[in-house]
């Protein structure tokens, strides 16, 4: 097999590539299952699963609870410190959404005035 590296130099590296692939296969925790048939449905690659102990699960749960409590503390701290800004922001956001309906409303009024042939309203 001929490979060309980034500098444009072509070399034959079959033995080094095979050695590299073999070392990668040996260093991973993947287990190859299958027979001689390459397209067999039973064939596949499985990740070797490590069972968690009850102590590890409990530690993960405690870590999740600590992280959640810390996140809530930070968020409610911001809410208490900047509550006026939050209230003003929510009100302005609602007013902005209502304002988005103003342009279609005015356009509708103009179209109604044109169809009624009322030139003074336009």
C-alpha atoms as a PDB file:
ATOM      1  CA  UNK A   1       0.000   0.000   0.000  1.00  0.00           C
ATOM      2  CA  UNK A   2       1.327   3.448  -0.884  1.00  0.00           C
ATOM      3  CA  UNK A   3       0.544   6.457   1.317  1.00  0.00           C
ATOM      4  CA  UNK A   4       1.360  10.068   0.589  1.00  0.00           C
ATOM      5  CA  UNK A   5       2.080  12.235   3.597  1.00  0.00           C
ATOM      6  CA  UNK A   6       1.349  15.951   3.922  1.00  0.00           C
ATOM      7  CA  UNK A   7       4.680  16.879   2.345  1.00  0.00           C
ATOM      8  CA  UNK A   8       3.954  14.937  -0.841  1.00  0.00           C
ATOM      9  CA  UNK A   9       6.425  12.147  -0.135  1.00  0.00           C
ATOM     10  CA  UNK A  10       5.132   8.700  -1.075  1.00  0.00           C
ATOM     11  CA  UNK A  11       6.304   5.736   0.933  1.00  0.00           C
ATOM     12  CA  UNK A  12       5.379   2.115   1.237  1.00  0.00           C
ATOM     13  CA  UNK A  13       4.307   1.608   4.827  1.00  0.00           C
ATOM     14  CA  UNK A  14       2.393  -1.653   4.950  1.00  0.00           C
ATOM     15  CA  UNK A  15       4.264  -3.200   7.837  1.00  0.00           C
ATOM     16  CA  UNK A  16       4.239  -0.054   9.986  1.00  0.00           C
ATOM     17  CA  UNK A  17       0.533   0.543   9.282  1.00  0.00           C
ATOM     18  CA  UNK A  18      -0.343  -3.022  10.240  1.00  0.00           C
ATOM     19  CA  UNK A  19       1.702  -2.739  13.413  1.00  0.00           C
ATOM     20  CA  UNK A  20      -0.020   0.543  14.258  1.00  0.00           C
ATOM     21  CA  UNK A  21      -3.476  -0.939  13.670  1.00  0.00           C
ATOM     22  CA  UNK A  22      -2.624  -3.992  15.763  1.00  0.00           C
ATOM     23  CA  UNK A  23      -1.411  -1.804  18.627  1.00  0.00           C
ATOM     24  CA  UNK A  24      -4.600   0.268  18.465  1.00  0.00           C
ATOM     25  CA  UNK A  25      -6.780  -2.835  18.550  1.00  0.00           C
ATOM     26  CA  UNK A  26      -4.857  -4.211  21.519  1.00  0.00           C
ATOM     27  CA  UNK A  27      -4.994  -0.913  23.436  1.00  0.00           C
ATOM     28  CA  UNK A  28      -8.770  -0.439  23.176  1.00  0.00           C
ATOM     29  CA  UNK A  29     -11.350  -2.211  25.275  1.00  0.00           C
ATOM     30  CA  UNK A  30     -13.408  -3.227  22.242  1.00  0.00           C
ATOM     31  CA  UNK A  31     -14.253  -6.875  21.787  1.00  0.00           C
ATOM     32  CA  UNK A  32     -14.843  -8.168  18.265  1.00  0.00           C
ATOM     33  CA  UNK A  33     -17.610 -10.717  17.926  1.00  0.00           C
ATOM     34  CA  UNK A  34     -18.211 -12.555  14.711  1.00  0.00           C
ATOM     35  CA  UNK A  35     -17.357 -15.487  12.607  1.00  0.00           C
ATOM     36  CA  UNK A  36     -15.926 -15.990   9.185  1.00  0.00           C
ATOM     37  CA  UNK A  37     -18.816 -14.284   7.408  1.00  0.00           C
ATOM     38  CA  UNK A  38     -18.063 -10.565   7.188  1.00  0.00           C
ATOM     39  CA  UNK A  39     -21.710  -9.584   6.665  1.00  0.00           C
ATOM     40  CA  UNK A  40     -23.194 -11.779   9.358  1.00  0.00           C
ATOM     41  CA  UNK A  41     -25.891 -10.168  11.502  1.00  0.00           C
ATOM     42  CA  UNK A  42     -24.407 -11.669  14.659  1.00  0.00           C
ATOM     43  CA  UNK A  43     -21.129  -9.915  13.982  1.00  0.00           C
ATOM     44  CA  UNK A  44     -20.477  -6.610  15.706  1.00  0.00           C
ATOM     45  CA  UNK A  45     -18.345  -4.640  18.074  1.00  0.00           C
ATOM     46  CA  UNK A  46     -19.236  -4.328  21.735  1.00  0.00           C
ATOM     47  CA  UNK A  47     -17.832  -1.962  24.316  1.00  0.00           C
ATOM     48  CA  UNK A  48     -16.627  -3.877  27.329  1.00  0.00           C
ATOM     49  CA  UNK A  49     -18.974  -2.562  30.025  1.00  0.00           C
ATOM     50  CA  UNK A  50     -17.727  -1.918  33.530  1.00  0.00           C
ATOM     51  CA  UNK A  51     -20.295  -2.550  36.232  1.00  0.00           C
ATOM     52  CA  UNK A  52     -20.739   0.272  38.732  1.00  0.00           C
ATOM     53  CA  UNK A  53     -20.894  -0.641  42.373  1.00  0.00           C
ATOM     54  CA  UNK A  54     -23.563   0.673  44.710  1.00  0.00           C
ATOM     55  CA  UNK A  55     -21.003   2.972  46.334  1.00  0.00           C
ATOM     56  CA  UNK A  56     -20.047   4.472  42.956  1.00  0.00           C
ATOM     57  CA  UNK A  57     -23.715   5.016  42.071  1.00  0.00           C
ATOM     58  CA  UNK A  58     -24.349   6.663  45.437  1.00  0.00           C
ATOM     59  CA  UNK A  59     -21.302   8.907  44.990  1.00  0.00           C
ATOM     60  CA  UNK A  60     -22.513   9.957  41.542  1.00  0.00           C
ATOM     61  CA  UNK A  61     -25.947  10.750  42.982  1.00  0.00           C
ATOM     62  CA  UNK A  62     -24.420  12.829  45.801  1.00  0.00           C
ATOM     63  CA  UNK A  63     -22.240  14.679  43.273  1.00  0.00           C
ATOM     64  CA  UNK A  64     -25.318  15.409  41.123  1.00  0.00           C
ATOM     65  CA  UNK A  65     -27.235  16.709  44.155  1.00  0.00           C
ATOM     66  CA  UNK A  66     -24.323  18.947  45.198  1.00  0.00           C
ATOM     67  CA  UNK A  67     -23.967  20.323  41.676  1.00  0.00           C
ATOM     68  CA  UNK A  68     -27.707  20.972  41.375  1.00  0.00           C
ATOM     69  CA  UNK A  69     -27.828  22.726  44.749  1.00  0.00           C
ATOM     70  CA  UNK A  70     -24.846  24.906  43.796  1.00  0.00           C
ATOM     71  CA  UNK A  71     -26.423  25.822  40.444  1.00  0.00           C
ATOM     72  CA  UNK A  72     -29.705  26.775  42.142  1.00  0.00           C
ATOM     73  CA  UNK A  73     -27.821  28.882  44.679  1.00  0.00           C
ATOM     74  CA  UNK A  74     -26.053  30.797  41.892  1.00  0.00           C
ATOM     75  CA  UNK A  75     -29.226  31.315  39.826  1.00  0.00           C
ATOM     76  CA  UNK A  76     -31.363  32.461  42.739  1.00  0.00           C
ATOM     77  CA  UNK A  77     -28.531  34.737  43.803  1.00  0.00           C
ATOM     78  CA  UNK A  78     -28.680  36.459  40.426  1.00  0.00           C
ATOM     79  CA  UNK A  79     -32.466  36.604  40.639  1.00  0.00           C
ATOM     80  CA  UNK A  80     -32.330  38.325  44.023  1.00  0.00           C
ATOM     81  CA  UNK A  81     -29.611  40.732  42.963  1.00  0.00           C
ATOM     82  CA  UNK A  82     -31.085  41.689  39.587  1.00  0.00           C
ATOM     83  CA  UNK A  83     -34.831  41.185  40.145  1.00  0.00           C
ATOM     84  CA  UNK A  84     -35.697  44.710  38.922  1.00  0.00           C
ATOM     85  CA  UNK A  85     -33.866  44.075  35.662  1.00  0.00           C
ATOM     86  CA  UNK A  86     -35.646  40.725  35.266  1.00  0.00           C
ATOM     87  CA  UNK A  87     -39.082  42.330  35.765  1.00  0.00           C
ATOM     88  CA  UNK A  88     -38.332  45.181  33.333  1.00  0.00           C
ATOM     89  CA  UNK A  89     -36.922  42.713  30.816  1.00  0.00           C
ATOM     90  CA  UNK A  90     -40.003  40.488  30.975  1.00  0.00           C
ATOM     91  CA  UNK A  91     -42.360  43.467  30.563  1.00  0.00           C
ATOM     92  CA  UNK A  92     -40.373  44.834  27.611  1.00  0.00           C
ATOM     93  CA  UNK A  93     -40.264  41.386  26.047  1.00  0.00           C
ATOM     94  CA  UNK A  94     -44.066  41.114  26.225  1.00  0.00           C
ATOM     95  CA  UNK A  95     -44.465  44.625  24.810  1.00  0.00           C
ATOM     96  CA  UNK A  96     -42.106  43.713  21.983  1.00  0.00           C
ATOM     97  CA  UNK A  97     -44.198  40.662  21.126  1.00  0.00           C
ATOM     98  CA  UNK A  98     -47.341  42.814  21.096  1.00  0.00           C
ATOM     99  CA  UNK A  99     -45.513  45.356  18.908  1.00  0.00           C
ATOM    100  CA  UNK A 100     -44.853  42.694  16.306  1.00  0.00           C
ATOM    101  CA  UNK A 101     -48.600  42.617  15.621  1.00  0.00           C
ATOM    102  CA  UNK A 102     -48.788  46.400  15.042  1.00  0.00           C
ATOM    103  CA  UNK A 103     -47.360  46.368  11.505  1.00  0.00           C
ATOM    104  CA  UNK A 104     -49.835  43.767  10.159  1.00  0.00           C
ATOM    105  CA  UNK A 105     -52.663  45.634  11.898  1.00  0.00           C
ATOM    106  CA  UNK A 106     -51.772  48.935  10.207  1.00  0.00           C
ATOM    107  CA  UNK A 107     -51.335  47.227   6.855  1.00  0.00           C
ATOM    108  CA  UNK A 108     -54.770  45.642   7.266  1.00  0.00           C
ATOM    109  CA  UNK A 109     -56.324  49.036   8.046  1.00  0.00           C
ATOM    110  CA  UNK A 110     -54.728  50.565   4.928  1.00  0.00           C
ATOM    111  CA  UNK A 111     -55.921  47.705   2.703  1.00  0.00           C
ATOM    112  CA  UNK A 112     -59.449  48.007   4.148  1.00  0.00           C
ATOM    113  CA  UNK A 113     -59.423  51.768   3.460  1.00  0.00           C
ATOM    114  CA  UNK A 114     -58.234  51.205  -0.130  1.00  0.00           C
ATOM    115  CA  UNK A 115     -60.882  48.571  -0.822  1.00  0.00           C
ATOM    116  CA  UNK A 116     -63.568  50.886   0.595  1.00  0.00           C
ATOM    117  CA  UNK A 117     -62.204  53.641  -1.667  1.00  0.00           C
ATOM    118  CA  UNK A 118     -61.855  55.989   1.245  1.00  0.00           C
ATOM    119  CA  UNK A 119     -58.912  58.183   0.237  1.00  0.00           C
ATOM    120  CA  UNK A 120     -58.914  60.337   3.341  1.00  0.00           C
ATOM    121  CA  UNK A 121     -58.184  57.374   5.667  1.00  0.00           C
ATOM    122  CA  UNK A 122     -55.222  56.271   3.575  1.00  0.00           C
END
